[in-house]
Amino acid sequence: MGASPSIELRGVEKEYRRDEFVVPVLQGLDLTVGEGEYLALMGPSGSGKTTLLNLVAGLDVATRGQVIVHGQDLGRLSESEITRWRADNVGFIFQTYNLIPVLTAAENVELPLLLTGLSRKRRRENVATALRVVGLEGREHHYPRQLSGGQEQRVAIARAIVTDPFLLVADEPTGDLDRNTADEILELLEQLNKEFEKTIVMVTHDPLAARRAGRVLHLDKGRLVDDVINEPHAPAAS
């Protein structure tokens, strides 16, 4: 675990209302994630994994308790403040890539930078760097339909890192990929964690994906039931 906490959950509860019914999702969750840690969240459907991911990413708010990320108590932010906070601090990686089909790879990656005050020249430089990091030099002008699934996910990861966020949240990032391509994407996430010191929180159903993380949390019915530190992952022999 990193030397200082990147994410702290203190007595977090989350519930939703369905008409007159209250549906509890997370119950009294306490959790600390170190700076630069790579955390995988596992558990059955409905266990609260995605809800927890959304809380630490500032996409949802806790019903009770505190969610403190990078020193910021997210529950104290207004809607406009948390929108700005997400743009500055969090990169999002989804199972379905969420690329815009009429935009090139470079244009898709540039989208988060349009919310910043960067010049066009600086935006292009940042986009080129992000695409180089994910191994897509030379694919800048390709449209999503001209890319494989693995390449589309690499574009999505480049878009997630182009603003240099400290936190990456990934929701089933290899769910639509074959095993070999999934392993390549997992290697890239490991690189972002180890070489670029990104804190990563990943939801996955795949035990092989979870094994790549430094730590695995298992949730069941909104409660933490297991917390496992993984042995360092050894690269596959060539």
Protein backbone atom coordinates (compact mmCIF):
# COMPACT_ATOMS: atom_id res chain seq x y z
CA MET A 1 0.00 0.00 0.00
CA GLY A 2 1.17 3.55 -0.72
CA ALA A 3 2.62 5.74 2.01
CA SER A 4 -0.42 8.01 2.20
CA PRO A 5 -4.11 7.33 1.66
CA SER A 6 -5.55 8.12 -1.73
CA ILE A 7 -9.09 6.97 -0.91
CA GLU A 8 -10.79 6.76 2.50
CA LEU A 9 -14.30 5.50 3.17
CA ARG A 10 -15.59 6.04 6.68
CA GLY A 11 -18.81 4.35 7.70
CA VAL A 12 -20.16 4.59 4.15
CA GLU A 13 -23.74 3.51 3.50
CA LYS A 14 -25.59 3.79 0.23
CA GLU A 15 -29.26 3.11 -0.29
CA TYR A 16 -31.75 3.76 -3.06
CA ARG A 17 -35.46 4.40 -2.79
CA ARG A 18 -37.92 2.50 -4.95
CA ASP A 19 -41.33 4.03 -4.26
CA GLU A 20 -41.89 3.37 -0.55
CA PHE A 21 -39.10 0.80 -0.36
CA VAL A 22 -35.52 1.46 0.74
CA VAL A 23 -32.92 -0.74 -0.96
CA PRO A 24 -29.58 -0.90 0.92
CA VAL A 25 -26.55 -1.35 -1.34
CA LEU A 26 -23.50 -0.58 0.82
CA GLN A 27 -23.59 -1.05 4.58
CA GLY A 28 -21.14 0.54 7.01
CA LEU A 29 -18.12 0.27 4.72
CA ASP A 30 -14.70 1.33 6.01
CA LEU A 31 -11.84 1.25 3.53
CA THR A 32 -8.45 2.84 2.92
CA VAL A 33 -6.68 2.68 -0.44
CA GLY A 34 -3.06 3.78 -0.58
CA GLU A 35 -1.69 6.26 -3.07
CA GLY A 36 -0.52 4.39 -6.16
CA GLU A 37 -2.38 1.21 -5.21
CA TYR A 38 -4.02 -1.10 -7.77
CA LEU A 39 -7.28 -2.41 -6.30
CA ALA A 40 -9.69 -4.94 -7.82
CA LEU A 41 -13.31 -5.19 -6.65
CA MET A 42 -15.01 -8.57 -6.98
CA GLY A 43 -18.30 -10.07 -5.89
CA PRO A 44 -21.61 -11.37 -7.23
CA SER A 45 -24.02 -9.17 -9.16
CA GLY A 46 -25.74 -6.79 -6.77
CA SER A 47 -22.91 -6.92 -4.23
CA GLY A 48 -22.21 -3.19 -4.49
CA LYS A 49 -19.03 -3.21 -6.61
CA THR A 50 -20.12 -0.68 -9.20
CA THR A 51 -21.79 1.49 -6.57
CA LEU A 52 -18.51 1.63 -4.65
CA LEU A 53 -16.64 2.46 -7.86
CA ASN A 54 -19.10 5.27 -8.60
CA LEU A 55 -18.70 6.72 -5.11
CA VAL A 56 -14.91 6.97 -5.27
CA ALA A 57 -15.15 8.42 -8.80
CA GLY A 58 -17.58 11.13 -7.72
CA LEU A 59 -20.38 9.80 -9.93
CA ASP A 60 -22.64 9.12 -6.94
CA VAL A 61 -22.89 10.32 -3.34
CA ALA A 62 -23.06 8.29 -0.14
CA THR A 63 -26.30 8.24 1.84
CA ARG A 64 -24.27 8.30 5.05
CA GLY A 65 -20.59 8.39 5.92
CA GLN A 66 -17.62 10.06 4.25
CA VAL A 67 -15.89 9.44 0.94
CA ILE A 68 -12.54 11.24 0.96
CA VAL A 69 -10.49 11.03 -2.23
CA HIS A 70 -7.08 12.67 -2.57
CA GLY A 71 -7.85 14.70 0.54
CA GLN A 72 -11.21 15.97 -0.75
CA ASP A 73 -14.45 15.09 1.08
CA LEU A 74 -16.68 14.49 -1.94
CA GLY A 75 -19.87 14.83 0.08
CA ARG A 76 -19.10 18.51 0.68
CA LEU A 77 -18.88 19.44 -3.00
CA SER A 78 -21.70 21.01 -5.00
CA GLU A 79 -22.77 19.41 -8.28
CA SER A 80 -20.68 21.88 -10.32
CA GLU A 81 -17.68 21.46 -8.02
CA ILE A 82 -17.73 17.68 -8.24
CA THR A 83 -18.03 17.85 -12.04
CA ARG A 84 -14.87 19.96 -12.11
CA TRP A 85 -13.18 17.67 -9.59
CA ARG A 86 -13.90 14.58 -11.74
CA ALA A 87 -12.53 16.27 -14.85
CA ASP A 88 -9.30 17.16 -13.05
CA ASN A 89 -8.70 13.99 -11.06
CA VAL A 90 -10.38 10.89 -12.53
CA GLY A 91 -9.97 8.92 -15.73
CA PHE A 92 -12.75 6.50 -16.71
CA ILE A 93 -12.36 3.16 -18.52
CA PHE A 94 -15.52 1.23 -19.45
CA GLN A 95 -16.28 -2.22 -20.81
CA THR A 96 -17.90 -0.82 -23.97
CA TYR A 97 -15.20 1.81 -24.74
CA ASN A 98 -17.76 4.64 -25.28
CA LEU A 99 -15.90 6.03 -28.28
CA ILE A 100 -17.65 8.43 -30.64
CA PRO A 101 -17.73 6.67 -34.04
CA VAL A 102 -17.53 9.84 -36.19
CA LEU A 103 -14.34 11.00 -34.44
CA THR A 104 -10.84 9.70 -35.07
CA ALA A 105 -8.77 8.08 -32.34
CA ALA A 106 -6.97 11.37 -31.70
CA GLU A 107 -10.22 13.34 -31.60
CA ASN A 108 -11.74 10.86 -29.13
CA VAL A 109 -8.69 11.14 -26.88
CA GLU A 110 -8.77 14.94 -27.08
CA LEU A 111 -12.35 15.24 -25.78
CA PRO A 112 -11.50 15.64 -22.05
CA LEU A 113 -8.96 18.34 -22.92
CA LEU A 114 -11.65 20.50 -24.52
CA LEU A 115 -12.84 21.29 -20.98
CA THR A 116 -9.43 22.71 -20.10
CA GLY A 117 -7.76 25.98 -21.00
CA LEU A 118 -4.97 24.29 -22.95
CA SER A 119 -4.02 25.64 -26.36
CA ARG A 120 -4.71 23.57 -29.45
CA LYS A 121 -0.98 22.88 -29.84
CA ARG A 122 -0.67 21.66 -26.24
CA ARG A 123 -3.79 19.51 -26.59
CA ARG A 124 -2.31 17.80 -29.65
CA GLU A 125 0.95 17.19 -27.81
CA ASN A 126 -0.89 15.60 -24.88
CA VAL A 127 -2.97 13.44 -27.22
CA ALA A 128 0.15 12.23 -29.04
CA THR A 129 1.80 11.36 -25.72
CA ALA A 130 -1.26 9.44 -24.48
CA LEU A 131 -1.54 7.44 -27.71
CA ARG A 132 2.17 6.66 -27.57
CA VAL A 133 1.85 5.39 -23.98
CA VAL A 134 -0.91 2.95 -25.01
CA GLY A 135 0.99 1.78 -28.09
CA LEU A 136 -1.13 3.40 -30.79
CA GLU A 137 1.35 5.62 -32.59
CA GLY A 138 0.35 5.78 -36.23
CA ARG A 139 -3.34 5.15 -35.49
CA GLU A 140 -4.21 8.77 -34.72
CA HIS A 141 -6.43 9.24 -37.79
CA HIS A 142 -8.21 5.90 -37.66
CA TYR A 143 -11.90 5.78 -36.77
CA PRO A 144 -13.22 3.27 -34.20
CA ARG A 145 -14.66 1.07 -36.98
CA GLN A 146 -11.13 0.72 -38.39
CA LEU A 147 -9.73 -0.58 -35.10
CA SER A 148 -9.89 -3.92 -33.32
CA GLY A 149 -11.63 -4.23 -29.96
CA GLY A 150 -8.31 -4.17 -28.15
CA GLN A 151 -7.22 -1.07 -30.05
CA GLU A 152 -10.53 0.64 -29.25
CA GLN A 153 -9.96 -0.06 -25.56
CA ARG A 154 -6.45 1.38 -25.86
CA VAL A 155 -7.95 4.56 -27.32
CA ALA A 156 -10.36 4.64 -24.38
CA ILE A 157 -7.44 4.26 -21.96
CA ALA A 158 -5.53 7.03 -23.74
CA ARG A 159 -8.60 9.25 -23.32
CA ALA A 160 -8.67 8.34 -19.62
CA ILE A 161 -5.03 9.32 -19.03
CA VAL A 162 -4.72 12.35 -21.33
CA THR A 163 -5.48 14.81 -18.51
CA ASP A 164 -2.93 13.04 -16.26
CA PRO A 165 -5.46 12.14 -13.52
CA PHE A 166 -4.19 10.59 -10.31
CA LEU A 167 -7.06 8.03 -10.24
CA LEU A 168 -8.21 5.58 -12.92
CA VAL A 169 -11.50 3.75 -12.42
CA ALA A 170 -12.18 0.77 -14.67
CA ASP A 171 -15.52 -1.06 -14.89
CA GLU A 172 -15.00 -4.54 -16.43
CA PRO A 173 -12.30 -3.16 -18.80
CA THR A 174 -11.67 -6.57 -20.41
CA GLY A 175 -15.24 -7.86 -20.40
CA ASP A 176 -15.68 -7.62 -24.20
CA LEU A 177 -12.23 -8.90 -25.14
CA ASP A 178 -10.78 -12.31 -25.91
CA ARG A 179 -8.21 -13.73 -23.45
CA ASN A 180 -5.08 -12.69 -25.35
CA THR A 181 -6.33 -9.16 -25.98
CA ALA A 182 -7.56 -8.90 -22.39
CA ASP A 183 -4.09 -9.85 -21.15
CA GLU A 184 -2.56 -7.08 -23.28
CA ILE A 185 -4.94 -4.52 -21.77
CA LEU A 186 -4.18 -5.79 -18.26
CA GLU A 187 -0.45 -5.45 -18.97
CA LEU A 188 -1.09 -1.84 -19.98
CA LEU A 189 -3.00 -1.14 -16.77
CA GLU A 190 -0.12 -2.63 -14.78
CA GLN A 191 2.27 -0.34 -16.63
CA LEU A 192 0.14 2.70 -15.80
CA ASN A 193 0.13 1.66 -12.16
CA LYS A 194 3.81 0.79 -11.79
CA GLU A 195 5.55 3.19 -14.16
CA PHE A 196 3.19 6.16 -14.00
CA GLU A 197 2.07 5.56 -10.39
CA LYS A 198 -1.64 5.82 -11.14
CA THR A 199 -4.04 4.70 -8.43
CA ILE A 200 -6.40 2.19 -10.09
CA VAL A 201 -9.73 0.85 -8.86
CA MET A 202 -11.12 -1.88 -11.13
CA VAL A 203 -14.39 -3.80 -11.02
CA THR A 204 -14.09 -7.26 -12.56
CA HIS A 205 -15.70 -10.69 -12.58
CA ASP A 206 -12.54 -12.22 -14.04
CA PRO A 207 -10.24 -13.88 -11.47
CA LEU A 208 -7.32 -13.67 -13.91
CA ALA A 209 -7.82 -9.90 -14.19
CA ALA A 210 -8.13 -9.52 -10.42
CA ARG A 211 -4.88 -11.44 -9.97
CA ARG A 212 -3.04 -8.65 -11.80
CA ALA A 213 -4.05 -6.11 -9.13
CA GLY A 214 -2.02 -5.63 -5.98
CA ARG A 215 -5.05 -6.12 -3.78
CA VAL A 216 -8.49 -7.69 -4.19
CA LEU A 217 -11.60 -6.75 -2.22
CA HIS A 218 -14.57 -9.11 -2.22
CA LEU A 219 -18.00 -7.64 -1.55
CA ASP A 220 -21.21 -9.47 -0.79
CA LYS A 221 -24.56 -7.82 -0.10
CA GLY A 222 -22.92 -4.47 0.43
CA ARG A 223 -20.33 -5.63 2.94
CA LEU A 224 -16.62 -6.27 2.69
CA VAL A 225 -16.13 -10.02 3.18
CA ASP A 226 -12.51 -10.51 2.09
CA ASP A 227 -9.44 -8.34 1.54
CA VAL A 228 -6.49 -10.09 -0.12
CA ILE A 229 -3.01 -8.83 -0.97
CA ASN A 230 -1.79 -10.46 -4.18
CA GLU A 231 1.71 -11.71 -4.75
CA PRO A 232 3.57 -9.59 -7.35
CA HIS A 233 2.56 -10.68 -10.85
CA ALA A 234 5.28 -12.42 -12.82
CA PRO A 235 5.30 -11.68 -16.57
CA ALA A 236 4.56 -14.64 -18.80
CA ALA A 237 7.60 -16.37 -20.30
CA SER A 238 8.21 -15.59 -23.94
